C-alpha atoms as a PDB file:
ATOM      1  CA  MET A   1      69.551  65.569 -49.551  1.00  0.00           C
ATOM      2  CA  GLY A   2      69.470  66.322 -45.847  1.00  0.00           C
ATOM      3  CA  ASP A   3      68.633  69.956 -46.519  1.00  0.00           C
ATOM      4  CA  LEU A   4      65.691  68.855 -48.658  1.00  0.00           C
ATOM      5  CA  PHE A   5      64.231  66.706 -45.876  1.00  0.00           C
ATOM      6  CA  ASN A   6      64.870  69.392 -43.268  1.00  0.00           C
ATOM      7  CA  ARG A   7      63.113  72.033 -45.334  1.00  0.00           C
ATOM      8  CA  PHE A   8      60.074  70.160 -46.637  1.00  0.00           C
ATOM      9  CA  GLY A   9      59.740  67.228 -44.264  1.00  0.00           C
ATOM     10  CA  THR A  10      59.861  63.519 -44.967  1.00  0.00           C
ATOM     11  CA  GLY A  11      56.528  63.192 -46.774  1.00  0.00           C
ATOM     12  CA  LEU A  12      56.839  66.075 -49.242  1.00  0.00           C
ATOM     13  CA  SER A  13      60.540  65.414 -49.852  1.00  0.00           C
ATOM     14  CA  THR A  14      59.744  61.790 -50.703  1.00  0.00           C
ATOM     15  CA  VAL A  15      57.137  62.960 -53.208  1.00  0.00           C
ATOM     16  CA  PHE A  16      59.641  65.331 -54.835  1.00  0.00           C
ATOM     17  CA  LEU A  17      62.307  62.624 -55.070  1.00  0.00           C
ATOM     18  CA  THR A  18      59.810  60.110 -56.451  1.00  0.00           C
ATOM     19  CA  LEU A  19      58.708  62.530 -59.166  1.00  0.00           C
ATOM     20  CA  VAL A  20      62.326  63.273 -60.103  1.00  0.00           C
ATOM     21  CA  MET A  21      63.178  59.584 -60.278  1.00  0.00           C
ATOM     22  CA  LEU A  22      60.107  58.860 -62.416  1.00  0.00           C
ATOM     23  CA  TRP A  23      61.033  61.706 -64.754  1.00  0.00           C
ATOM     24  CA  LEU A  24      64.625  60.470 -65.060  1.00  0.00           C
ATOM     25  CA  ALA A  25      63.480  56.905 -65.634  1.00  0.00           C
ATOM     26  CA  GLY A  26      60.814  57.784 -68.209  1.00  0.00           C
ATOM     27  CA  MET A  27      62.494  60.645 -70.065  1.00  0.00           C
ATOM     28  CA  VAL A  28      66.209  59.828 -69.785  1.00  0.00           C
ATOM     29  CA  LEU A  29      66.904  56.216 -68.886  1.00  0.00           C
ATOM     30  CA  ALA A  30      64.178  54.420 -70.873  1.00  0.00           C
ATOM     31  CA  PRO A  31      64.775  56.200 -74.229  1.00  0.00           C
ATOM     32  CA  ASN A  32      68.534  55.620 -74.016  1.00  0.00           C
ATOM     33  CA  LEU A  33      68.073  51.946 -73.142  1.00  0.00           C
ATOM     34  CA  MET A  34      65.711  51.583 -76.099  1.00  0.00           C
ATOM     35  CA  MET A  35      68.259  53.307 -78.344  1.00  0.00           C
ATOM     36  CA  ILE A  36      70.971  50.876 -77.226  1.00  0.00           C
ATOM     37  CA  ASP A  37      68.615  47.931 -77.816  1.00  0.00           C
ATOM     38  CA  TYR A  38      67.771  49.136 -81.331  1.00  0.00           C
ATOM     39  CA  ALA A  39      71.436  49.863 -82.114  1.00  0.00           C
ATOM     40  CA  LEU A  40      72.563  46.325 -81.257  1.00  0.00           C
ATOM     41  CA  ARG A  41      69.823  44.489 -83.179  1.00  0.00           C
ATOM     42  CA  PRO A  42      69.358  44.076 -86.962  1.00  0.00           C
ATOM     43  CA  ASN A  43      66.648  45.767 -88.976  1.00  0.00           C
ATOM     44  CA  LEU A  44      64.126  42.966 -89.481  1.00  0.00           C
ATOM     45  CA  PRO A  45      60.508  42.783 -90.653  1.00  0.00           C
ATOM     46  CA  PRO A  46      57.951  42.376 -87.851  1.00  0.00           C
ATOM     47  CA  ALA A  47      57.485  38.669 -88.624  1.00  0.00           C
ATOM     48  CA  ALA A  48      61.200  37.984 -88.027  1.00  0.00           C
ATOM     49  CA  LEU A  49      61.414  39.746 -84.659  1.00  0.00           C
ATOM     50  CA  GLY A  50      62.329  37.288 -81.921  1.00  0.00           C
ATOM     51  CA  GLY A  51      63.501  34.738 -84.479  1.00  0.00           C
ATOM     52  CA  PRO A  52      66.945  33.222 -84.992  1.00  0.00           C
ATOM     53  CA  ASP A  53      68.179  36.276 -86.908  1.00  0.00           C
ATOM     54  CA  ASP A  54      67.153  38.676 -84.137  1.00  0.00           C
ATOM     55  CA  THR A  55      70.450  38.645 -82.245  1.00  0.00           C
ATOM     56  CA  TYR A  56      72.621  41.289 -80.656  1.00  0.00           C
ATOM     57  CA  SER A  57      75.752  42.399 -82.510  1.00  0.00           C
ATOM     58  CA  LEU A  58      77.877  45.438 -83.296  1.00  0.00           C
ATOM     59  CA  ALA A  59      77.090  45.297 -87.019  1.00  0.00           C
ATOM     60  CA  ASN A  60      75.120  48.552 -87.076  1.00  0.00           C
ATOM     61  CA  ILE A  61      77.886  50.390 -85.227  1.00  0.00           C
ATOM     62  CA  THR A  62      80.757  48.994 -87.289  1.00  0.00           C
ATOM     63  CA  TYR A  63      78.843  49.886 -90.457  1.00  0.00           C
ATOM     64  CA  LEU A  64      79.826  53.513 -89.827  1.00  0.00           C
ATOM     65  CA  ALA A  65      83.506  52.560 -90.144  1.00  0.00           C
ATOM     66  CA  THR A  66      82.903  51.119 -93.604  1.00  0.00           C
ATOM     67  CA  GLU A  67      81.018  54.155 -94.936  1.00  0.00           C
ATOM     68  CA  SER A  68      83.724  56.703 -95.753  1.00  0.00           C
ATOM     69  CA  VAL A  69      81.274  59.526 -96.514  1.00  0.00           C
ATOM     70  CA  HIS A  70      79.389  59.075 -93.264  1.00  0.00           C
ATOM     71  CA  ARG A  71      82.656  58.796 -91.346  1.00  0.00           C
ATOM     72  CA  VAL A  72      83.950  62.060 -92.790  1.00  0.00           C
ATOM     73  CA  ILE A  73      80.687  63.835 -91.960  1.00  0.00           C
ATOM     74  CA  PHE A  74      80.808  62.388 -88.450  1.00  0.00           C
ATOM     75  CA  PHE A  75      84.260  63.777 -87.644  1.00  0.00           C
ATOM     76  CA  LYS A  76      83.443  67.029 -89.414  1.00  0.00           C
ATOM     77  CA  THR A  77      80.421  67.421 -87.140  1.00  0.00           C
ATOM     78  CA  ILE A  78      82.636  66.920 -84.074  1.00  0.00           C
ATOM     79  CA  TRP A  79      85.268  69.493 -84.964  1.00  0.00           C
ATOM     80  CA  ALA A  80      82.676  71.916 -86.328  1.00  0.00           C
ATOM     81  CA  SER A  81      80.761  71.681 -83.032  1.00  0.00           C
ATOM     82  CA  ALA A  82      83.991  72.450 -81.182  1.00  0.00           C
ATOM     83  CA  LEU A  83      84.476  75.436 -83.497  1.00  0.00           C
ATOM     84  CA  VAL A  84      80.946  76.637 -82.730  1.00  0.00           C
ATOM     85  CA  ALA A  85      81.742  76.438 -79.005  1.00  0.00           C
ATOM     86  CA  LEU A  86      85.010  78.331 -79.468  1.00  0.00           C
ATOM     87  CA  VAL A  87      83.478  81.117 -81.584  1.00  0.00           C
ATOM     88  CA  THR A  88      80.569  81.413 -79.144  1.00  0.00           C
ATOM     89  CA  PHE A  89      83.063  81.790 -76.295  1.00  0.00           C
ATOM     90  CA  LEU A  90      85.007  84.501 -78.147  1.00  0.00           C
ATOM     91  CA  VAL A  91      81.764  86.378 -78.737  1.00  0.00           C
ATOM     92  CA  CYS A  92      80.376  85.929 -75.224  1.00  0.00           C
ATOM     93  CA  TYR A  93      83.427  86.447 -73.029  1.00  0.00           C
ATOM     94  CA  PRO A  94      83.839  90.213 -73.513  1.00  0.00           C
ATOM     95  CA  ILE A  95      80.073  90.718 -73.194  1.00  0.00           C
ATOM     96  CA  ALA A  96      79.939  88.618 -70.030  1.00  0.00           C
ATOM     97  CA  PHE A  97      82.891  90.492 -68.508  1.00  0.00           C
ATOM     98  CA  TRP A  98      81.324  93.860 -69.281  1.00  0.00           C
ATOM     99  CA  MET A  99      77.984  92.795 -67.839  1.00  0.00           C
ATOM    100  CA  ALA A 100      79.547  91.339 -64.691  1.00  0.00           C
ATOM    101  CA  GLN A 101      82.196  93.967 -63.886  1.00  0.00           C
ATOM    102  CA  ARG A 102      81.515  97.153 -65.805  1.00  0.00           C
ATOM    103  CA  ALA A 103      77.805  97.582 -66.531  1.00  0.00           C
ATOM    104  CA  THR A 104      75.547  99.621 -64.269  1.00  0.00           C
ATOM    105  CA  THR A 105      72.331  98.132 -62.930  1.00  0.00           C
ATOM    106  CA  GLY A 106      70.283  99.782 -65.675  1.00  0.00           C
ATOM    107  CA  GLN A 107      72.686  98.742 -68.422  1.00  0.00           C
ATOM    108  CA  LEU A 108      72.704  95.174 -67.106  1.00  0.00           C
ATOM    109  CA  ALA A 109      68.895  95.035 -67.126  1.00  0.00           C
ATOM    110  CA  ILE A 110      68.731  96.303 -70.716  1.00  0.00           C
ATOM    111  CA  ALA A 111      71.453  93.881 -71.836  1.00  0.00           C
ATOM    112  CA  MET A 112      69.651  90.951 -70.242  1.00  0.00           C
ATOM    113  CA  LEU A 113      66.409  91.892 -71.960  1.00  0.00           C
ATOM    114  CA  LEU A 114      68.101  92.225 -75.352  1.00  0.00           C
ATOM    115  CA  ILE A 115      69.743  88.824 -74.921  1.00  0.00           C
ATOM    116  CA  ILE A 116      66.831  86.865 -73.475  1.00  0.00           C
ATOM    117  CA  ILE A 117      63.810  88.260 -75.395  1.00  0.00           C
ATOM    118  CA  PRO A 118      64.820  86.695 -78.774  1.00  0.00           C
ATOM    119  CA  PHE A 119      64.814  83.294 -77.064  1.00  0.00           C
ATOM    120  CA  PHE A 120      61.095  83.643 -76.410  1.00  0.00           C
ATOM    121  CA  ILE A 121      60.750  82.733 -80.092  1.00  0.00           C
ATOM    122  CA  ASN A 122      60.971  79.114 -81.224  1.00  0.00           C
ATOM    123  CA  GLU A 123      64.407  77.962 -82.458  1.00  0.00           C
ATOM    124  CA  VAL A 124      62.947  77.019 -85.837  1.00  0.00           C
ATOM    125  CA  LEU A 125      61.602  80.535 -86.367  1.00  0.00           C
ATOM    126  CA  ARG A 126      64.904  82.079 -85.297  1.00  0.00           C
ATOM    127  CA  THR A 127      66.735  79.854 -87.769  1.00  0.00           C
ATOM    128  CA  LEU A 128      64.259  80.772 -90.504  1.00  0.00           C
ATOM    129  CA  ALA A 129      65.051  84.421 -89.755  1.00  0.00           C
ATOM    130  CA  TRP A 130      68.713  83.661 -90.464  1.00  0.00           C
ATOM    131  CA  PHE A 131      67.635  81.823 -93.624  1.00  0.00           C
ATOM    132  CA  ILE A 132      65.886  84.978 -94.834  1.00  0.00           C
ATOM    133  CA  LEU A 133      68.763  87.230 -93.771  1.00  0.00           C
ATOM    134  CA  LEU A 134      71.401  85.118 -95.554  1.00  0.00           C
ATOM    135  CA  ALA A 135      69.310  84.322 -98.633  1.00  0.00           C
ATOM    136  CA  TYR A 136      70.898  84.790-102.046  1.00  0.00           C
ATOM    137  CA  ARG A 137      68.693  87.825-102.634  1.00  0.00           C
ATOM    138  CA  GLY A 138      68.156  88.576 -98.974  1.00  0.00           C
ATOM    139  CA  PRO A 139      68.703  91.735 -96.904  1.00  0.00           C
ATOM    140  CA  LEU A 140      72.418  91.138 -96.232  1.00  0.00           C
ATOM    141  CA  ASN A 141      73.338  90.825 -99.890  1.00  0.00           C
ATOM    142  CA  SER A 142      71.124  93.798-100.741  1.00  0.00           C
ATOM    143  CA  VAL A 143      72.937  95.979 -98.196  1.00  0.00           C
ATOM    144  CA  LEU A 144      76.389  94.846 -99.332  1.00  0.00           C
ATOM    145  CA  MET A 145      75.550  95.461-102.991  1.00  0.00           C
ATOM    146  CA  GLY A 146      73.916  98.801-102.173  1.00  0.00           C
ATOM    147  CA  MET A 147      77.085  99.947-100.371  1.00  0.00           C
ATOM    148  CA  GLY A 148      79.210  98.820-103.294  1.00  0.00           C
ATOM    149  CA  ILE A 149      81.095  96.236-101.231  1.00  0.00           C
ATOM    150  CA  THR A 150      80.154  93.394-103.569  1.00  0.00           C
ATOM    151  CA  ASP A 151      79.152  93.405-107.222  1.00  0.00           C
ATOM    152  CA  ALA A 152      77.040  90.236-107.067  1.00  0.00           C
ATOM    153  CA  PRO A 153      75.120  88.383-104.355  1.00  0.00           C
ATOM    154  CA  ILE A 154      77.157  86.064-102.127  1.00  0.00           C
ATOM    155  CA  ARG A 155      75.897  82.586-101.373  1.00  0.00           C
ATOM    156  CA  TRP A 156      76.149  82.574 -97.587  1.00  0.00           C
ATOM    157  CA  GLN A 157      74.364  79.285 -97.043  1.00  0.00           C
ATOM    158  CA  GLY A 158      76.742  76.470 -96.160  1.00  0.00           C
ATOM    159  CA  ASP A 159      79.247  76.063 -93.365  1.00  0.00           C
ATOM    160  CA  GLY A 160      79.402  79.818 -92.719  1.00  0.00           C
ATOM    161  CA  GLY A 161      75.654  80.187 -92.423  1.00  0.00           C
ATOM    162  CA  VAL A 162      75.348  77.157 -90.150  1.00  0.00           C
ATOM    163  CA  LEU A 163      78.139  78.482 -87.917  1.00  0.00           C
ATOM    164  CA  ALA A 164      76.559  81.945 -87.620  1.00  0.00           C
ATOM    165  CA  ALA A 165      73.098  80.545 -86.843  1.00  0.00           C
ATOM    166  CA  MET A 166      74.422  78.133 -84.213  1.00  0.00           C
ATOM    167  CA  VAL A 167      76.496  80.797 -82.474  1.00  0.00           C
ATOM    168  CA  TYR A 168      73.397  82.959 -82.271  1.00  0.00           C
ATOM    169  CA  ALA A 169      71.145  80.074 -81.231  1.00  0.00           C
ATOM    170  CA  TYR A 170      73.363  78.944 -78.345  1.00  0.00           C
ATOM    171  CA  ILE A 171      74.834  82.247 -77.186  1.00  0.00           C
ATOM    172  CA  LEU A 172      72.674  82.233 -74.064  1.00  0.00           C
ATOM    173  CA  PHE A 173      74.064  78.861 -72.945  1.00  0.00           C
ATOM    174  CA  MET A 174      77.605  80.231 -73.070  1.00  0.00           C
ATOM    175  CA  LEU A 175      76.961  83.776 -71.859  1.00  0.00           C
ATOM    176  CA  LEU A 176      75.059  83.142 -68.626  1.00  0.00           C
ATOM    177  CA  PRO A 177      77.461  80.573 -67.069  1.00  0.00           C
ATOM    178  CA  ILE A 178      80.437  82.852 -67.784  1.00  0.00           C
ATOM    179  CA  PHE A 179      78.551  85.890 -66.489  1.00  0.00           C
ATOM    180  CA  ASN A 180      77.628  84.093 -63.260  1.00  0.00           C
ATOM    181  CA  ALA A 181      81.246  83.020 -62.738  1.00  0.00           C
ATOM    182  CA  ILE A 182      82.791  86.434 -63.418  1.00  0.00           C
ATOM    183  CA  GLU A 183      80.154  88.202 -61.326  1.00  0.00           C
ATOM    184  CA  SER A 184      81.537  86.494 -58.212  1.00  0.00           C
ATOM    185  CA  LEU A 185      85.032  87.853 -58.873  1.00  0.00           C
ATOM    186  CA  ASP A 186      86.020  90.507 -56.340  1.00  0.00           C
ATOM    187  CA  ARG A 187      86.854  93.751 -58.126  1.00  0.00           C
ATOM    188  CA  SER A 188      89.720  94.320 -55.722  1.00  0.00           C
ATOM    189  CA  GLN A 189      91.556  91.471 -57.468  1.00  0.00           C
ATOM    190  CA  LEU A 190      91.282  93.331 -60.763  1.00  0.00           C
ATOM    191  CA  GLU A 191      92.475  96.542 -59.129  1.00  0.00           C
ATOM    192  CA  ALA A 192      95.390  94.708 -57.503  1.00  0.00           C
ATOM    193  CA  SER A 193      96.368  93.220 -60.854  1.00  0.00           C
ATOM    194  CA  ARG A 194      96.300  96.664 -62.434  1.00  0.00           C
ATOM    195  CA  ASP A 195      98.285  98.244 -59.558  1.00  0.00           C
ATOM    196  CA  LEU A 196     100.965  95.580 -59.929  1.00  0.00           C
ATOM    197  CA  GLY A 197     101.428  96.590 -63.552  1.00  0.00           C
ATOM    198  CA  ALA A 198      99.699  93.713 -65.279  1.00  0.00           C
ATOM    199  CA  SER A 199      98.353  94.393 -68.753  1.00  0.00           C
ATOM    200  CA  ARG A 200      94.705  93.795 -69.588  1.00  0.00           C
ATOM    201  CA  TRP A 201      95.660  90.605 -71.377  1.00  0.00           C
ATOM    202  CA  LYS A 202      97.517  89.236 -68.334  1.00  0.00           C
ATOM    203  CA  THR A 203      94.701  90.309 -66.032  1.00  0.00           C
ATOM    204  CA  HIS A 204      92.232  88.275 -68.042  1.00  0.00           C
ATOM    205  CA  THR A 205      94.472  85.248 -68.593  1.00  0.00           C
ATOM    206  CA  ARG A 206      95.833  85.054 -65.034  1.00  0.00           C
ATOM    207  CA  VAL A 207      92.966  86.406 -62.926  1.00  0.00           C
ATOM    208  CA  VAL A 208      89.593  86.448 -64.667  1.00  0.00           C
ATOM    209  CA  ILE A 209      89.716  83.280 -66.777  1.00  0.00           C
ATOM    210  CA  PRO A 210      91.159  81.026 -64.002  1.00  0.00           C
ATOM    211  CA  HIS A 211      88.450  82.312 -61.668  1.00  0.00           C
ATOM    212  CA  ALA A 212      85.703  81.736 -64.265  1.00  0.00           C
ATOM    213  CA  LYS A 213      86.962  78.405 -65.627  1.00  0.00           C
ATOM    214  CA  ALA A 214      84.010  76.474 -64.191  1.00  0.00           C
ATOM    215  CA  GLY A 215      81.553  78.787 -65.959  1.00  0.00           C
ATOM    216  CA  ILE A 216      83.591  78.662 -69.167  1.00  0.00           C
ATOM    217  CA  ALA A 217      83.698  74.855 -69.043  1.00  0.00           C
ATOM    218  CA  THR A 218      79.936  74.757 -68.460  1.00  0.00           C
ATOM    219  CA  GLY A 219      79.354  77.004 -71.459  1.00  0.00           C
ATOM    220  CA  PHE A 220      81.609  74.863 -73.636  1.00  0.00           C
ATOM    221  CA  VAL A 221      79.839  71.665 -72.564  1.00  0.00           C
ATOM    222  CA  PHE A 222      76.365  73.047 -73.247  1.00  0.00           C
ATOM    223  CA  THR A 223      77.283  74.673 -76.546  1.00  0.00           C
ATOM    224  CA  PHE A 224      79.269  71.731 -77.887  1.00  0.00           C
ATOM    225  CA  MET A 225      76.586  69.172 -77.058  1.00  0.00           C
ATOM    226  CA  LEU A 226      73.790  71.326 -78.469  1.00  0.00           C
ATOM    227  CA  ALA A 227      75.728  72.012 -81.670  1.00  0.00           C
ATOM    228  CA  ALA A 228      76.652  68.349 -82.182  1.00  0.00           C
ATOM    229  CA  GLY A 229      73.003  67.341 -81.780  1.00  0.00           C
ATOM    230  CA  SER A 230      71.523  70.190 -83.804  1.00  0.00           C
ATOM    231  CA  TYR A 231      69.350  69.425 -86.812  1.00  0.00           C
ATOM    232  CA  VAL A 232      67.404  72.608 -87.601  1.00  0.00           C
ATOM    233  CA  ALA A 233      70.299  74.921 -88.493  1.00  0.00           C
ATOM    234  CA  PRO A 234      72.181  72.439 -90.753  1.00  0.00           C
ATOM    235  CA  SER A 235      69.010  71.369 -92.542  1.00  0.00           C
ATOM    236  CA  LEU A 236      67.826  74.931 -93.240  1.00  0.00           C
ATOM    237  CA  LEU A 237      71.110  76.769 -93.760  1.00  0.00           C
ATOM    238  CA  GLY A 238      73.429  74.003 -94.896  1.00  0.00           C
ATOM    239  CA  SER A 239      74.401  72.996 -98.398  1.00  0.00           C
ATOM    240  CA  PRO A 240      75.090  69.540 -99.881  1.00  0.00           C
ATOM    241  CA  GLY A 241      78.752  70.045 -98.953  1.00  0.00           C
ATOM    242  CA  SER A 242      78.017  71.033 -95.353  1.00  0.00           C
ATOM    243  CA  ARG A 243      75.875  68.146 -94.131  1.00  0.00           C
ATOM    244  CA  TRP A 244      75.673  67.478 -90.398  1.00  0.00           C
ATOM    245  CA  PHE A 245      75.761  64.002 -88.860  1.00  0.00           C
ATOM    246  CA  THR A 246      72.308  64.528 -87.365  1.00  0.00           C
ATOM    247  CA  GLU A 247      70.928  64.834 -90.894  1.00  0.00           C
ATOM    248  CA  ILE A 248      72.218  61.347 -91.667  1.00  0.00           C
ATOM    249  CA  ILE A 249      70.621  60.021 -88.477  1.00  0.00           C
ATOM    250  CA  TYR A 250      67.341  61.672 -89.497  1.00  0.00           C
ATOM    251  CA  ASN A 251      67.576  60.079 -92.948  1.00  0.00           C
ATOM    252  CA  TRP A 252      68.091  56.610 -91.474  1.00  0.00           C
ATOM    253  CA  PHE A 253      65.024  56.994 -89.265  1.00  0.00           C
ATOM    254  CA  PHE A 254      62.536  58.762 -91.525  1.00  0.00           C
ATOM    255  CA  GLU A 255      63.703  58.189 -95.107  1.00  0.00           C
ATOM    256  CA  GLY A 256      65.662  54.948 -95.013  1.00  0.00           C
ATOM    257  CA  GLY A 257      63.300  53.373 -92.509  1.00  0.00           C
ATOM    258  CA  ASP A 258      66.224  51.720 -90.692  1.00  0.00           C
ATOM    259  CA  TRP A 259      65.702  52.693 -87.069  1.00  0.00           C
ATOM    260  CA  ASN A 260      68.364  50.257 -85.901  1.00  0.00           C
ATOM    261  CA  ARG A 261      71.139  51.853 -87.932  1.00  0.00           C
ATOM    262  CA  GLY A 262      69.879  55.317 -87.044  1.00  0.00           C
ATOM    263  CA  ALA A 263      69.983  54.393 -83.355  1.00  0.00           C
ATOM    264  CA  ALA A 264      73.520  53.030 -83.784  1.00  0.00           C
ATOM    265  CA  TYR A 265      74.683  56.281 -85.405  1.00  0.00           C
ATOM    266  CA  ALA A 266      73.018  58.301 -82.633  1.00  0.00           C
ATOM    267  CA  LEU A 267      74.662  56.115 -79.986  1.00  0.00           C
ATOM    268  CA  VAL A 268      78.121  56.594 -81.513  1.00  0.00           C
ATOM    269  CA  LEU A 269      77.603  60.358 -81.621  1.00  0.00           C
ATOM    270  CA  LEU A 270      76.423  60.427 -78.000  1.00  0.00           C
ATOM    271  CA  VAL A 271      79.299  58.311 -76.689  1.00  0.00           C
ATOM    272  CA  LEU A 272      81.999  60.253 -78.513  1.00  0.00           C
ATOM    273  CA  CYS A 273      80.540  63.616 -77.479  1.00  0.00           C
ATOM    274  CA  LEU A 274      80.444  62.502 -73.837  1.00  0.00           C
ATOM    275  CA  ALA A 275      84.036  61.277 -74.088  1.00  0.00           C
ATOM    276  CA  ILE A 276      85.202  64.589 -75.549  1.00  0.00           C
ATOM    277  CA  VAL A 277      83.365  66.533 -72.855  1.00  0.00           C
ATOM    278  CA  LEU A 278      84.881  64.436 -70.053  1.00  0.00           C
ATOM    279  CA  VAL A 279      88.391  64.743 -71.499  1.00  0.00           C
ATOM    280  CA  THR A 280      87.963  68.500 -71.881  1.00  0.00           C
ATOM    281  CA  LEU A 281      86.811  68.858 -68.280  1.00  0.00           C
ATOM    282  CA  ARG A 282      89.742  66.729 -67.181  1.00  0.00           C
ATOM    283  CA  ILE A 283      92.221  68.933 -69.039  1.00  0.00           C
ATOM    284  CA  ALA A 284      90.596  72.094 -67.648  1.00  0.00           C
ATOM    285  CA  ARG A 285      90.620  70.518 -64.144  1.00  0.00           C
ATOM    286  CA  VAL A 286      86.905  71.098 -63.741  1.00  0.00           C
ATOM    287  CA  ASN A 287      84.693  68.337 -62.344  1.00  0.00           C
ATOM    288  CA  LEU A 288      81.078  67.598 -63.174  1.00  0.00           C
ATOM    289  CA  ALA A 289      79.936  68.987 -59.821  1.00  0.00           C
ATOM    290  CA  ASP A 290      81.237  72.417 -60.821  1.00  0.00           C
ATOM    291  CA  VAL A 291      79.415  72.170 -64.159  1.00  0.00           C
ATOM    292  CA  ALA A 292      76.198  71.115 -62.408  1.00  0.00           C
ATOM    293  CA  LYS A 293      76.272  74.255 -60.293  1.00  0.00           C
END
């Protein structure tokens, strides 16, 4: 805060802070307060609003506990989002290490372009590209059948298709934090580990990963939260047996017309996701300040 005032002066710094506070109040605080208000009130016709039945209760939230199907989908969304984060990490870690410690300047520039350029396209269009690729008579099945690997088309849509699309959609949010963390690692530490006889596995588990744990935790937080709140990939690539909890929330809002129950479901998802993130950071011994960096 002091650096801000020293750099821009009292007047301009006050303007910046005021704009940030207005943005936080209008785009973050107000919508969440409205969601909590909707979640704790019953779904009533306009004429009954403010009447004796318009009281606060936990009925909309506890309704989730009574709906076994919704409850199963809820917990499936949580562990599936964690799986998306884990698979994204396994894909990104070797790439991030190569980019940070092995790639030349030219190779790094090319890699960055190849990674970032696809994200210039809207997420919906990128997911539709996966829909076409994984279609029953799409390019992937055509190639596999042409090579004689399969005799009939494979139905890729479902949990596998959703997982692949999400890993691709959120790879940037895992890759860049890990890359930034590993880039600050002094190469002499890697050379010392090698000179002392450590294997590559031990070098990564005892030197690289502990050094980059803040970046890894940041990537996990971003990827997990984005996956848990995703709607496009499950709706386009999912099957009836691979529904996502966000699809149920969408149905409550736009098909069931019950905004109060939809808000309650969204609030439960938000609270549990935040709790899981905080517990994970606690276990990894990484604080929110490190993630914010």
